């Protein structure tokens, strides 16, 4: 899973809403469930954390994008990426 910020050249179809990954874009191929998304680190010395995001039916339009993004809503606090 490759997370990006809006505006980067991408083939992403989902956006994280809320939580530590708010605004990150990713590509998903499933319609239901919970995803574990790596939380961006501000330095390489920080421990790696992940956050859970729930796939929803909600769609979010973003300026300049032809298709709306699938909304991924934050499900709980960050956890370790195992």
PDB file of N, CA and C in Angstrom:
ATOM      1  N   UNK A   1       0.854  -1.155   0.000  1.00  0.00           N
ATOM      2  CA  UNK A   1       0.000   0.000   0.000  1.00  0.00           C
ATOM      3  C   UNK A   1       0.905   1.224   0.000  1.00  0.00           C
ATOM      4  N   UNK A   2       0.682   2.144  -0.922  1.00  0.00           N
ATOM      5  CA  UNK A   2       1.505   3.330  -1.053  1.00  0.00           C
ATOM      6  C   UNK A   2       0.675   4.559  -0.743  1.00  0.00           C
ATOM      7  N   UNK A   3       0.976   5.227   0.358  1.00  0.00           N
ATOM      8  CA  UNK A   3       0.222   6.412   0.760  1.00  0.00           C
ATOM      9  C   UNK A   3       0.912   7.668   0.245  1.00  0.00           C
ATOM     10  N   UNK A   4       0.129   8.627  -0.214  1.00  0.00           N
ATOM     11  CA  UNK A   4       0.641   9.874  -0.767  1.00  0.00           C
ATOM     12  C   UNK A   4      -0.230  11.031  -0.318  1.00  0.00           C
ATOM     13  N   UNK A   5       0.260  12.248  -0.515  1.00  0.00           N
ATOM     14  CA  UNK A   5      -0.513  13.458  -0.236  1.00  0.00           C
ATOM     15  C   UNK A   5      -1.258  13.858  -1.497  1.00  0.00           C
ATOM     16  N   UNK A   6      -2.448  14.494  -1.370  1.00  0.00           N
ATOM     17  CA  UNK A   6      -3.167  14.962  -2.554  1.00  0.00           C
ATOM     18  C   UNK A   6      -2.288  15.865  -3.401  1.00  0.00           C
ATOM     19  N   UNK A   7      -2.418  15.741  -4.714  1.00  0.00           N
ATOM     20  CA  UNK A   7      -1.658  16.568  -5.629  1.00  0.00           C
ATOM     21  C   UNK A   7      -0.472  15.836  -6.241  1.00  0.00           C
ATOM     22  N   UNK A   8       0.013  14.760  -5.605  1.00  0.00           N
ATOM     23  CA  UNK A   8       1.096  13.973  -6.183  1.00  0.00           C
ATOM     24  C   UNK A   8       0.545  13.186  -7.367  1.00  0.00           C
ATOM     25  N   UNK A   9       1.389  12.895  -8.360  1.00  0.00           N
ATOM     26  CA  UNK A   9       0.946  12.035  -9.459  1.00  0.00           C
ATOM     27  C   UNK A   9       0.689  10.650  -8.893  1.00  0.00           C
ATOM     28  N   UNK A  10      -0.504  10.097  -9.090  1.00  0.00           N
ATOM     29  CA  UNK A  10      -0.835   8.835  -8.430  1.00  0.00           C
ATOM     30  C   UNK A  10      -1.992   8.133  -9.118  1.00  0.00           C
ATOM     31  N   UNK A  11      -2.213   6.898  -8.701  1.00  0.00           N
ATOM     32  CA  UNK A  11      -3.382   6.129  -9.132  1.00  0.00           C
ATOM     33  C   UNK A  11      -4.220   5.768  -7.914  1.00  0.00           C
ATOM     34  N   UNK A  12      -4.158   6.595  -6.884  1.00  0.00           N
ATOM     35  CA  UNK A  12      -4.864   6.341  -5.627  1.00  0.00           C
ATOM     36  C   UNK A  12      -6.374   6.513  -5.795  1.00  0.00           C
ATOM     37  N   UNK A  13      -7.123   5.739  -5.014  1.00  0.00           N
ATOM     38  CA  UNK A  13      -8.583   5.824  -5.083  1.00  0.00           C
ATOM     39  C   UNK A  13      -9.239   5.981  -3.710  1.00  0.00           C
ATOM     40  N   UNK A  14      -8.418   6.167  -2.653  1.00  0.00           N
ATOM     41  CA  UNK A  14      -8.967   6.299  -1.302  1.00  0.00           C
ATOM     42  C   UNK A  14      -8.182   7.350  -0.522  1.00  0.00           C
ATOM     43  N   UNK A  15      -8.881   8.011   0.422  1.00  0.00           N
ATOM     44  CA  UNK A  15      -8.259   9.038   1.254  1.00  0.00           C
ATOM     45  C   UNK A  15      -8.558   8.759   2.720  1.00  0.00           C
ATOM     46  N   UNK A  16      -7.532   8.912   3.576  1.00  0.00           N
ATOM     47  CA  UNK A  16      -7.689   8.730   5.024  1.00  0.00           C
ATOM     48  C   UNK A  16      -8.275   9.998   5.630  1.00  0.00           C
ATOM     49  N   UNK A  17      -9.295   9.839   6.449  1.00  0.00           N
ATOM     50  CA  UNK A  17      -9.937  10.970   7.114  1.00  0.00           C
ATOM     51  C   UNK A  17      -9.825  10.809   8.619  1.00  0.00           C
ATOM     52  N   UNK A  18      -9.256  11.805   9.291  1.00  0.00           N
ATOM     53  CA  UNK A  18      -9.069  11.768  10.724  1.00  0.00           C
ATOM     54  C   UNK A  18      -7.824  10.992  11.097  1.00  0.00           C
ATOM     55  N   UNK A  19      -7.465  11.086  12.354  1.00  0.00           N
ATOM     56  CA  UNK A  19      -6.336  10.328  12.866  1.00  0.00           C
ATOM     57  C   UNK A  19      -4.989  10.777  12.336  1.00  0.00           C
ATOM     58  N   UNK A  20      -3.972   9.977  12.584  1.00  0.00           N
ATOM     59  CA  UNK A  20      -2.603  10.359  12.254  1.00  0.00           C
ATOM     60  C   UNK A  20      -2.280  10.355  10.758  1.00  0.00           C
ATOM     61  N   UNK A  21      -3.087   9.737   9.940  1.00  0.00           N
ATOM     62  CA  UNK A  21      -2.830   9.682   8.497  1.00  0.00           C
ATOM     63  C   UNK A  21      -3.775  10.587   7.717  1.00  0.00           C
ATOM     64  N   UNK A  22      -4.449  11.513   8.392  1.00  0.00           N
ATOM     65  CA  UNK A  22      -5.445  12.374   7.753  1.00  0.00           C
ATOM     66  C   UNK A  22      -4.886  13.007   6.482  1.00  0.00           C
ATOM     67  N   UNK A  23      -5.612  12.830   5.386  1.00  0.00           N
ATOM     68  CA  UNK A  23      -5.231  13.419   4.104  1.00  0.00           C
ATOM     69  C   UNK A  23      -4.352  12.546   3.232  1.00  0.00           C
ATOM     70  N   UNK A  24      -3.859  11.436   3.745  1.00  0.00           N
ATOM     71  CA  UNK A  24      -3.036  10.549   2.925  1.00  0.00           C
ATOM     72  C   UNK A  24      -3.905   9.800   1.927  1.00  0.00           C
ATOM     73  N   UNK A  25      -3.358   9.602   0.744  1.00  0.00           N
ATOM     74  CA  UNK A  25      -4.046   8.866  -0.313  1.00  0.00           C
ATOM     75  C   UNK A  25      -3.429   7.489  -0.445  1.00  0.00           C
ATOM     76  N   UNK A  26      -4.249   6.523  -0.819  1.00  0.00           N
ATOM     77  CA  UNK A  26      -3.764   5.173  -1.043  1.00  0.00           C
ATOM     78  C   UNK A  26      -4.630   4.503  -2.106  1.00  0.00           C
ATOM     79  N   UNK A  27      -4.213   3.355  -2.568  1.00  0.00           N
ATOM     80  CA  UNK A  27      -5.012   2.575  -3.522  1.00  0.00           C
ATOM     81  C   UNK A  27      -5.516   1.334  -2.801  1.00  0.00           C
ATOM     82  N   UNK A  28      -6.817   1.105  -2.874  1.00  0.00           N
ATOM     83  CA  UNK A  28      -7.398  -0.098  -2.271  1.00  0.00           C
ATOM     84  C   UNK A  28      -8.187  -0.853  -3.333  1.00  0.00           C
ATOM     85  N   UNK A  29      -8.269  -2.166  -3.134  1.00  0.00           N
ATOM     86  CA  UNK A  29      -9.002  -3.028  -4.061  1.00  0.00           C
ATOM     87  C   UNK A  29     -10.163  -3.739  -3.399  1.00  0.00           C
ATOM     88  N   UNK A  30     -10.391  -3.475  -2.109  1.00  0.00           N
ATOM     89  CA  UNK A  30     -11.491  -4.142  -1.420  1.00  0.00           C
ATOM     90  C   UNK A  30     -12.591  -3.139  -1.115  1.00  0.00           C
ATOM     91  N   UNK A  31     -13.786  -3.650  -0.861  1.00  0.00           N
ATOM     92  CA  UNK A  31     -14.946  -2.787  -0.650  1.00  0.00           C
ATOM     93  C   UNK A  31     -15.367  -2.676   0.802  1.00  0.00           C
ATOM     94  N   UNK A  32     -14.980  -3.627   1.648  1.00  0.00           N
ATOM     95  CA  UNK A  32     -15.337  -3.575   3.063  1.00  0.00           C
ATOM     96  C   UNK A  32     -14.132  -3.974   3.895  1.00  0.00           C
ATOM     97  N   UNK A  33     -14.169  -3.590   5.167  1.00  0.00           N
ATOM     98  CA  UNK A  33     -13.118  -4.028   6.072  1.00  0.00           C
ATOM     99  C   UNK A  33     -12.353  -2.883   6.698  1.00  0.00           C
ATOM    100  N   UNK A  34     -11.285  -3.266   7.390  1.00  0.00           N
ATOM    101  CA  UNK A  34     -10.404  -2.312   8.053  1.00  0.00           C
ATOM    102  C   UNK A  34      -9.001  -2.515   7.492  1.00  0.00           C
ATOM    103  N   UNK A  35      -8.351  -1.408   7.171  1.00  0.00           N
ATOM    104  CA  UNK A  35      -6.990  -1.430   6.648  1.00  0.00           C
ATOM    105  C   UNK A  35      -6.025  -0.938   7.706  1.00  0.00           C
ATOM    106  N   UNK A  36      -4.792  -1.408   7.659  1.00  0.00           N
ATOM    107  CA  UNK A  36      -3.735  -0.909   8.528  1.00  0.00           C
ATOM    108  C   UNK A  36      -2.821  -0.065   7.645  1.00  0.00           C
ATOM    109  N   UNK A  37      -2.744   1.234   7.971  1.00  0.00           N
ATOM    110  CA  UNK A  37      -1.982   2.195   7.172  1.00  0.00           C
ATOM    111  C   UNK A  37      -0.760   2.649   7.969  1.00  0.00           C
ATOM    112  N   UNK A  38       0.443   2.614   7.389  1.00  0.00           N
ATOM    113  CA  UNK A  38       1.625   3.120   8.099  1.00  0.00           C
ATOM    114  C   UNK A  38       1.501   4.628   8.340  1.00  0.00           C
ATOM    115  N   UNK A  39       1.783   5.056   9.568  1.00  0.00           N
ATOM    116  CA  UNK A  39       1.747   6.477   9.929  1.00  0.00           C
ATOM    117  C   UNK A  39       3.047   7.116   9.433  1.00  0.00           C
ATOM    118  N   UNK A  40       2.945   8.246   8.698  1.00  0.00           N
ATOM    119  CA  UNK A  40       4.167   8.913   8.231  1.00  0.00           C
ATOM    120  C   UNK A  40       5.041   9.328   9.421  1.00  0.00           C
ATOM    121  N   UNK A  41       6.354   9.113   9.282  1.00  0.00           N
ATOM    122  CA  UNK A  41       7.304   9.482  10.333  1.00  0.00           C
ATOM    123  C   UNK A  41       7.992  10.776   9.947  1.00  0.00           C
ATOM    124  N   UNK A  42       8.266  11.628  10.935  1.00  0.00           N
ATOM    125  CA  UNK A  42       8.959  12.879  10.648  1.00  0.00           C
ATOM    126  C   UNK A  42      10.473  12.684  10.631  1.00  0.00           C
ATOM    127  N   UNK A  43      10.972  11.581  11.181  1.00  0.00           N
ATOM    128  CA  UNK A  43      12.393  11.252  11.092  1.00  0.00           C
ATOM    129  C   UNK A  43      12.549   9.736  11.067  1.00  0.00           C
ATOM    130  N   UNK A  44      13.674   9.289  10.517  1.00  0.00           N
ATOM    131  CA  UNK A  44      13.883   7.843  10.395  1.00  0.00           C
ATOM    132  C   UNK A  44      14.112   7.178  11.750  1.00  0.00           C
ATOM    133  N   UNK A  45      14.417   7.964  12.797  1.00  0.00           N
ATOM    134  CA  UNK A  45      14.642   7.404  14.120  1.00  0.00           C
ATOM    135  C   UNK A  45      13.369   7.113  14.898  1.00  0.00           C
ATOM    136  N   UNK A  46      12.242   7.619  14.418  1.00  0.00           N
ATOM    137  CA  UNK A  46      10.972   7.364  15.108  1.00  0.00           C
ATOM    138  C   UNK A  46      10.545   5.918  14.915  1.00  0.00           C
ATOM    139  N   UNK A  47       9.888   5.331  15.932  1.00  0.00           N
ATOM    140  CA  UNK A  47       9.391   3.961  15.755  1.00  0.00           C
ATOM    141  C   UNK A  47       8.275   3.933  14.707  1.00  0.00           C
ATOM    142  N   UNK A  48       8.192   2.820  14.007  1.00  0.00           N
ATOM    143  CA  UNK A  48       7.152   2.673  12.989  1.00  0.00           C
ATOM    144  C   UNK A  48       5.825   2.378  13.673  1.00  0.00           C
ATOM    145  N   UNK A  49       4.801   3.152  13.322  1.00  0.00           N
ATOM    146  CA  UNK A  49       3.454   2.933  13.841  1.00  0.00           C
ATOM    147  C   UNK A  49       2.492   2.812  12.676  1.00  0.00           C
ATOM    148  N   UNK A  50       1.366   2.194  12.948  1.00  0.00           N
ATOM    149  CA  UNK A  50       0.304   2.065  11.953  1.00  0.00           C
ATOM    150  C   UNK A  50      -1.011   2.505  12.589  1.00  0.00           C
ATOM    151  N   UNK A  51      -1.965   2.834  11.754  1.00  0.00           N
ATOM    152  CA  UNK A  51      -3.295   3.201  12.236  1.00  0.00           C
ATOM    153  C   UNK A  51      -4.322   2.421  11.428  1.00  0.00           C
ATOM    154  N   UNK A  52      -5.413   2.085  12.065  1.00  0.00           N
ATOM    155  CA  UNK A  52      -6.489   1.344  11.393  1.00  0.00           C
ATOM    156  C   UNK A  52      -7.501   2.329  10.823  1.00  0.00           C
ATOM    157  N   UNK A  53      -7.890   2.067   9.588  1.00  0.00           N
ATOM    158  CA  UNK A  53      -8.899   2.886   8.907  1.00  0.00           C
ATOM    159  C   UNK A  53      -9.975   1.977   8.334  1.00  0.00           C
ATOM    160  N   UNK A  54     -11.222   2.368   8.568  1.00  0.00           N
ATOM    161  CA  UNK A  54     -12.388   1.604   8.117  1.00  0.00           C
ATOM    162  C   UNK A  54     -12.817   2.090   6.735  1.00  0.00           C
ATOM    163  N   UNK A  55     -13.009   1.158   5.817  1.00  0.00           N
ATOM    164  CA  UNK A  55     -13.506   1.492   4.478  1.00  0.00           C
ATOM    165  C   UNK A  55     -14.987   1.828   4.602  1.00  0.00           C
ATOM    166  N   UNK A  56     -15.404   2.932   3.984  1.00  0.00           N
ATOM    167  CA  UNK A  56     -16.809   3.336   4.042  1.00  0.00           C
ATOM    168  C   UNK A  56     -17.383   3.442   2.631  1.00  0.00           C
ATOM    169  N   UNK A  57     -18.682   3.642   2.569  1.00  0.00           N
ATOM    170  CA  UNK A  57     -19.343   3.876   1.276  1.00  0.00           C
ATOM    171  C   UNK A  57     -19.251   5.336   0.863  1.00  0.00           C
ATOM    172  N   UNK A  58     -18.820   6.184   1.805  1.00  0.00           N
ATOM    173  CA  UNK A  58     -18.709   7.621   1.538  1.00  0.00           C
ATOM    174  C   UNK A  58     -17.656   7.887   0.466  1.00  0.00           C
ATOM    175  N   UNK A  59     -17.936   8.865  -0.379  1.00  0.00           N
ATOM    176  CA  UNK A  59     -16.992   9.283  -1.415  1.00  0.00           C
ATOM    177  C   UNK A  59     -16.692  10.758  -1.222  1.00  0.00           C
ATOM    178  N   UNK A  60     -15.428  11.137  -1.423  1.00  0.00           N
ATOM    179  CA  UNK A  60     -14.975  12.501  -1.211  1.00  0.00           C
ATOM    180  C   UNK A  60     -14.417  13.048  -2.520  1.00  0.00           C
ATOM    181  N   UNK A  61     -14.963  14.153  -2.960  1.00  0.00           N
ATOM    182  CA  UNK A  61     -14.461  14.804  -4.176  1.00  0.00           C
ATOM    183  C   UNK A  61     -13.266  15.672  -3.811  1.00  0.00           C
ATOM    184  N   UNK A  62     -12.266  15.674  -4.673  1.00  0.00           N
ATOM    185  CA  UNK A  62     -11.081  16.500  -4.477  1.00  0.00           C
ATOM    186  C   UNK A  62     -10.857  17.299  -5.743  1.00  0.00           C
ATOM    187  N   UNK A  63     -10.593  18.584  -5.586  1.00  0.00           N
ATOM    188  CA  UNK A  63     -10.427  19.473  -6.717  1.00  0.00           C
ATOM    189  C   UNK A  63      -9.392  18.919  -7.695  1.00  0.00           C
ATOM    190  N   UNK A  64      -9.727  18.930  -8.968  1.00  0.00           N
ATOM    191  CA  UNK A  64      -8.816  18.479 -10.007  1.00  0.00           C
ATOM    192  C   UNK A  64      -8.828  16.983 -10.277  1.00  0.00           C
ATOM    193  N   UNK A  65      -9.597  16.219  -9.507  1.00  0.00           N
ATOM    194  CA  UNK A  65      -9.676  14.773  -9.712  1.00  0.00           C
ATOM    195  C   UNK A  65     -11.033  14.417 -10.313  1.00  0.00           C
ATOM    196  N   UNK A  66     -10.996  13.628 -11.380  1.00  0.00           N
ATOM    197  CA  UNK A  66     -12.236  13.262 -12.069  1.00  0.00           C
ATOM    198  C   UNK A  66     -13.126  12.350 -11.217  1.00  0.00           C
ATOM    199  N   UNK A  67     -12.519  11.409 -10.510  1.00  0.00           N
ATOM    200  CA  UNK A  67     -13.271  10.442  -9.712  1.00  0.00           C
ATOM    201  C   UNK A  67     -13.159  10.778  -8.225  1.00  0.00           C
ATOM    202  N   UNK A  68     -14.231  10.562  -7.459  1.00  0.00           N
ATOM    203  CA  UNK A  68     -14.141  10.788  -6.010  1.00  0.00           C
ATOM    204  C   UNK A  68     -13.328   9.678  -5.336  1.00  0.00           C
ATOM    205  N   UNK A  69     -12.754  10.015  -4.197  1.00  0.00           N
ATOM    206  CA  UNK A  69     -11.994   9.044  -3.409  1.00  0.00           C
ATOM    207  C   UNK A  69     -12.922   8.293  -2.462  1.00  0.00           C
ATOM    208  N   UNK A  70     -12.581   7.047  -2.167  1.00  0.00           N
ATOM    209  CA  UNK A  70     -13.263   6.266  -1.144  1.00  0.00           C
ATOM    210  C   UNK A  70     -12.791   6.820   0.203  1.00  0.00           C
ATOM    211  N   UNK A  71     -13.717   7.112   1.102  1.00  0.00           N
ATOM    212  CA  UNK A  71     -13.361   7.656   2.417  1.00  0.00           C
ATOM    213  C   UNK A  71     -12.977   6.524   3.363  1.00  0.00           C
ATOM    214  N   UNK A  72     -11.787   6.643   3.939  1.00  0.00           N
ATOM    215  CA  UNK A  72     -11.309   5.713   4.958  1.00  0.00           C
ATOM    216  C   UNK A  72     -11.333   6.463   6.282  1.00  0.00           C
ATOM    217  N   UNK A  73     -12.195   6.049   7.202  1.00  0.00           N
ATOM    218  CA  UNK A  73     -12.327   6.745   8.484  1.00  0.00           C
ATOM    219  C   UNK A  73     -11.482   6.071   9.552  1.00  0.00           C
ATOM    220  N   UNK A  74     -10.783   6.897  10.338  1.00  0.00           N
ATOM    221  CA  UNK A  74      -9.912   6.416  11.403  1.00  0.00           C
ATOM    222  C   UNK A  74     -10.707   5.567  12.372  1.00  0.00           C
ATOM    223  N   UNK A  75     -10.206   4.379  12.683  1.00  0.00           N
ATOM    224  CA  UNK A  75     -10.937   3.432  13.528  1.00  0.00           C
ATOM    225  C   UNK A  75     -10.455   3.417  14.975  1.00  0.00           C
ATOM    226  N   UNK A  76      -9.172   3.747  15.246  1.00  0.00           N
ATOM    227  CA  UNK A  76      -8.674   3.716  16.617  1.00  0.00           C
ATOM    228  C   UNK A  76      -7.286   4.336  16.691  1.00  0.00           C
ATOM    229  N   UNK A  77      -6.703   4.430  17.881  1.00  0.00           N
ATOM    230  CA  UNK A  77      -5.362   5.017  18.036  1.00  0.00           C
ATOM    231  C   UNK A  77      -4.297   4.202  17.273  1.00  0.00           C
ATOM    232  N   UNK A  78      -3.131   4.832  16.998  1.00  0.00           N
ATOM    233  CA  UNK A  78      -2.056   4.122  16.305  1.00  0.00           C
ATOM    234  C   UNK A  78      -1.636   2.848  17.060  1.00  0.00           C
ATOM    235  N   UNK A  79      -1.155   1.895  16.298  1.00  0.00           N
ATOM    236  CA  UNK A  79      -0.676   0.638  16.874  1.00  0.00           C
ATOM    237  C   UNK A  79       0.675   0.322  16.246  1.00  0.00           C
ATOM    238  N   UNK A  80       1.380  -0.661  16.749  1.00  0.00           N
ATOM    239  CA  UNK A  80       2.651  -1.033  16.138  1.00  0.00           C
ATOM    240  C   UNK A  80       2.382  -1.805  14.854  1.00  0.00           C
ATOM    241  N   UNK A  81       3.242  -1.639  13.886  1.00  0.00           N
ATOM    242  CA  UNK A  81       3.101  -2.338  12.599  1.00  0.00           C
ATOM    243  C   UNK A  81       3.768  -3.702  12.723  1.00  0.00           C
ATOM    244  N   UNK A  82       2.977  -4.718  12.888  1.00  0.00           N
ATOM    245  CA  UNK A  82       3.514  -6.064  13.024  1.00  0.00           C
ATOM    246  C   UNK A  82       2.955  -6.933  11.944  1.00  0.00           C
TER     247      UNK A  82
END
